[in-house]
Amino acid sequence: MLNLEYLQQLLIAAITLSTITCAIVQKTKGFFKTSKFLNIYSLLINLIVGIVFCYTFTNITLPTSLWIGCFSFIGADTLYKTLEGKIASHTDLINKKTVTIPKENIINQGGKK
């Protein structure tokens, strides 16, 4: 089962990380003559700082810290805002023991053709 609460916590850590890495990339992007390698540089900074950040401030493992680095690179704040309402609503649906289907959504209603 997907642990949505854990995913939400990872996205919040990635939001914090993206703030830090954005500042690092902005300060150091002057070293590049062209922006050709800037995306690769930004990804590497997000992954490296993500690993260091997670090992320093959390008890998160290496694979999970790489995910946080990727979330940070993609844009954790946008991901979080997109999933924020959906995580809560899906959690409620997953935790329910029974599923109620409205009558109009039932495809085969008593063998009618």
C-alpha atoms as a PDB file:
ATOM      1  CA  MET A   1       0.000   0.000   0.000  1.00  0.00           C
ATOM      2  CA  LEU A   2       1.248   3.470  -0.842  1.00  0.00           C
ATOM      3  CA  ASN A   3       2.207   5.457   2.241  1.00  0.00           C
ATOM      4  CA  LEU A   4       0.808   8.861   1.319  1.00  0.00           C
ATOM      5  CA  GLU A   5       1.736  10.450   4.633  1.00  0.00           C
ATOM      6  CA  TYR A   6       5.389   9.512   4.077  1.00  0.00           C
ATOM      7  CA  LEU A   7       5.247  10.890   0.527  1.00  0.00           C
ATOM      8  CA  GLN A   8       3.889  14.152   1.900  1.00  0.00           C
ATOM      9  CA  GLN A   9       6.760  14.328   4.415  1.00  0.00           C
ATOM     10  CA  LEU A  10       9.298  13.695   1.644  1.00  0.00           C
ATOM     11  CA  LEU A  11       7.791  16.491  -0.453  1.00  0.00           C
ATOM     12  CA  ILE A  12       8.008  18.895   2.481  1.00  0.00           C
ATOM     13  CA  ALA A  13      11.689  17.988   2.937  1.00  0.00           C
ATOM     14  CA  ALA A  14      12.188  18.492  -0.811  1.00  0.00           C
ATOM     15  CA  ILE A  15      10.607  21.961  -0.615  1.00  0.00           C
ATOM     16  CA  THR A  16      13.153  22.932   2.020  1.00  0.00           C
ATOM     17  CA  LEU A  17      15.958  21.402  -0.028  1.00  0.00           C
ATOM     18  CA  SER A  18      14.861  23.162  -3.222  1.00  0.00           C
ATOM     19  CA  THR A  19      15.120  26.528  -1.474  1.00  0.00           C
ATOM     20  CA  ILE A  20      18.694  25.769  -0.488  1.00  0.00           C
ATOM     21  CA  THR A  21      19.758  24.293  -3.828  1.00  0.00           C
ATOM     22  CA  CYS A  22      18.121  27.099  -5.811  1.00  0.00           C
ATOM     23  CA  ALA A  23      20.246  29.598  -3.910  1.00  0.00           C
ATOM     24  CA  ILE A  24      23.390  27.515  -4.487  1.00  0.00           C
ATOM     25  CA  VAL A  25      22.724  27.197  -8.227  1.00  0.00           C
ATOM     26  CA  GLN A  26      21.946  30.922  -8.554  1.00  0.00           C
ATOM     27  CA  LYS A  27      25.189  31.875  -6.789  1.00  0.00           C
ATOM     28  CA  THR A  28      27.370  29.472  -8.767  1.00  0.00           C
ATOM     29  CA  LYS A  29      25.844  29.554 -12.248  1.00  0.00           C
ATOM     30  CA  GLY A  30      28.262  32.323 -13.242  1.00  0.00           C
ATOM     31  CA  PHE A  31      30.991  29.691 -13.618  1.00  0.00           C
ATOM     32  CA  PHE A  32      29.326  28.469 -16.810  1.00  0.00           C
ATOM     33  CA  LYS A  33      29.864  30.445 -20.010  1.00  0.00           C
ATOM     34  CA  THR A  34      26.701  28.947 -21.557  1.00  0.00           C
ATOM     35  CA  SER A  35      23.545  27.542 -20.028  1.00  0.00           C
ATOM     36  CA  LYS A  36      24.085  24.294 -21.915  1.00  0.00           C
ATOM     37  CA  PHE A  37      25.068  22.305 -18.840  1.00  0.00           C
ATOM     38  CA  LEU A  38      23.089  24.283 -16.271  1.00  0.00           C
ATOM     39  CA  ASN A  39      20.259  21.712 -15.994  1.00  0.00           C
ATOM     40  CA  ILE A  40      22.694  18.853 -15.461  1.00  0.00           C
ATOM     41  CA  TYR A  41      24.590  20.960 -12.935  1.00  0.00           C
ATOM     42  CA  SER A  42      21.337  21.779 -11.134  1.00  0.00           C
ATOM     43  CA  LEU A  43      20.352  18.095 -11.015  1.00  0.00           C
ATOM     44  CA  LEU A  44      23.753  17.107  -9.602  1.00  0.00           C
ATOM     45  CA  ILE A  45      23.591  19.870  -6.974  1.00  0.00           C
ATOM     46  CA  ASN A  46      20.078  18.746  -5.966  1.00  0.00           C
ATOM     47  CA  LEU A  47      21.162  15.116  -5.627  1.00  0.00           C
ATOM     48  CA  ILE A  48      24.425  15.831  -3.788  1.00  0.00           C
ATOM     49  CA  VAL A  49      22.987  18.420  -1.421  1.00  0.00           C
ATOM     50  CA  GLY A  50      19.914  16.181  -0.988  1.00  0.00           C
ATOM     51  CA  ILE A  51      22.067  13.314   0.234  1.00  0.00           C
ATOM     52  CA  VAL A  52      24.050  15.537   2.600  1.00  0.00           C
ATOM     53  CA  PHE A  53      20.875  17.287   3.808  1.00  0.00           C
ATOM     54  CA  CYS A  54      19.065  14.014   4.521  1.00  0.00           C
ATOM     55  CA  TYR A  55      22.006  12.403   6.277  1.00  0.00           C
ATOM     56  CA  THR A  56      22.546  15.501   8.410  1.00  0.00           C
ATOM     57  CA  PHE A  57      18.998  16.374   9.455  1.00  0.00           C
ATOM     58  CA  THR A  58      17.009  13.134   9.091  1.00  0.00           C
ATOM     59  CA  ASN A  59      17.368   9.376   9.354  1.00  0.00           C
ATOM     60  CA  ILE A  60      16.395   8.881   5.699  1.00  0.00           C
ATOM     61  CA  THR A  61      18.265   6.277   3.632  1.00  0.00           C
ATOM     62  CA  LEU A  62      20.305   6.897   0.476  1.00  0.00           C
ATOM     63  CA  PRO A  63      17.627   5.857  -2.063  1.00  0.00           C
ATOM     64  CA  THR A  64      15.024   8.021  -0.360  1.00  0.00           C
ATOM     65  CA  SER A  65      17.394  10.985  -0.235  1.00  0.00           C
ATOM     66  CA  LEU A  66      17.930  10.589  -3.988  1.00  0.00           C
ATOM     67  CA  TRP A  67      14.151  10.760  -4.441  1.00  0.00           C
ATOM     68  CA  ILE A  68      14.074  13.932  -2.373  1.00  0.00           C
ATOM     69  CA  GLY A  69      16.820  15.359  -4.600  1.00  0.00           C
ATOM     70  CA  CYS A  70      14.787  14.473  -7.695  1.00  0.00           C
ATOM     71  CA  PHE A  71      11.618  15.994  -6.219  1.00  0.00           C
ATOM     72  CA  SER A  72      13.609  19.105  -5.436  1.00  0.00           C
ATOM     73  CA  PHE A  73      14.943  19.301  -8.987  1.00  0.00           C
ATOM     74  CA  ILE A  74      11.501  18.818 -10.544  1.00  0.00           C
ATOM     75  CA  GLY A  75       9.926  21.400  -8.282  1.00  0.00           C
ATOM     76  CA  ALA A  76       8.768  20.110  -4.934  1.00  0.00           C
ATOM     77  CA  ASP A  77       6.511  23.070  -4.207  1.00  0.00           C
ATOM     78  CA  THR A  78       4.567  22.521  -7.428  1.00  0.00           C
ATOM     79  CA  LEU A  79       4.320  18.775  -6.771  1.00  0.00           C
ATOM     80  CA  TYR A  80       3.156  19.393  -3.214  1.00  0.00           C
ATOM     81  CA  LYS A  81       0.503  21.915  -4.260  1.00  0.00           C
ATOM     82  CA  THR A  82      -0.725  19.550  -6.967  1.00  0.00           C
ATOM     83  CA  LEU A  83      -0.951  16.566  -4.630  1.00  0.00           C
ATOM     84  CA  GLU A  84      -1.988  18.404  -1.454  1.00  0.00           C
ATOM     85  CA  GLY A  85      -5.758  18.023  -1.816  1.00  0.00           C
ATOM     86  CA  LYS A  86      -5.503  14.672  -3.550  1.00  0.00           C
ATOM     87  CA  ILE A  87      -3.409  13.038  -0.826  1.00  0.00           C
ATOM     88  CA  ALA A  88      -6.025  13.759   1.829  1.00  0.00           C
ATOM     89  CA  SER A  89      -8.956  12.670  -0.361  1.00  0.00           C
ATOM     90  CA  HIS A  90      -7.246   9.435  -1.458  1.00  0.00           C
ATOM     91  CA  THR A  91      -6.291   8.632   2.111  1.00  0.00           C
ATOM     92  CA  ASP A  92      -9.948   8.890   3.107  1.00  0.00           C
ATOM     93  CA  LEU A  93     -10.956   6.624   0.219  1.00  0.00           C
ATOM     94  CA  ILE A  94      -8.240   4.065   0.943  1.00  0.00           C
ATOM     95  CA  ASN A  95      -9.095   3.905   4.653  1.00  0.00           C
ATOM     96  CA  LYS A  96     -12.797   3.195   4.013  1.00  0.00           C
ATOM     97  CA  LYS A  97     -13.861  -0.420   4.427  1.00  0.00           C
ATOM     98  CA  THR A  98     -16.796  -0.164   2.004  1.00  0.00           C
ATOM     99  CA  VAL A  99     -17.203   1.542  -1.325  1.00  0.00           C
ATOM    100  CA  THR A 100     -20.454   3.254  -2.269  1.00  0.00           C
ATOM    101  CA  ILE A 101     -21.165   3.498  -5.983  1.00  0.00           C
ATOM    102  CA  PRO A 102     -23.943   5.862  -7.079  1.00  0.00           C
ATOM    103  CA  LYS A 103     -26.772   4.060  -8.907  1.00  0.00           C
ATOM    104  CA  GLU A 104     -26.264   6.061 -12.096  1.00  0.00           C
ATOM    105  CA  ASN A 105     -22.641   4.885 -12.319  1.00  0.00           C
ATOM    106  CA  ILE A 106     -23.488   1.175 -12.352  1.00  0.00           C
ATOM    107  CA  ILE A 107     -22.997  -0.129 -15.887  1.00  0.00           C
ATOM    108  CA  ASN A 108     -24.993  -3.375 -15.702  1.00  0.00           C
ATOM    109  CA  GLN A 109     -28.199  -2.492 -13.846  1.00  0.00           C
ATOM    110  CA  GLY A 110     -30.023  -5.782 -13.421  1.00  0.00           C
ATOM    111  CA  GLY A 111     -29.406  -7.153 -16.906  1.00  0.00           C
ATOM    112  CA  LYS A 112     -30.968  -4.240 -18.843  1.00  0.00           C
ATOM    113  CA  LYS A 113     -29.748  -3.908 -22.410  1.00  0.00           C
END
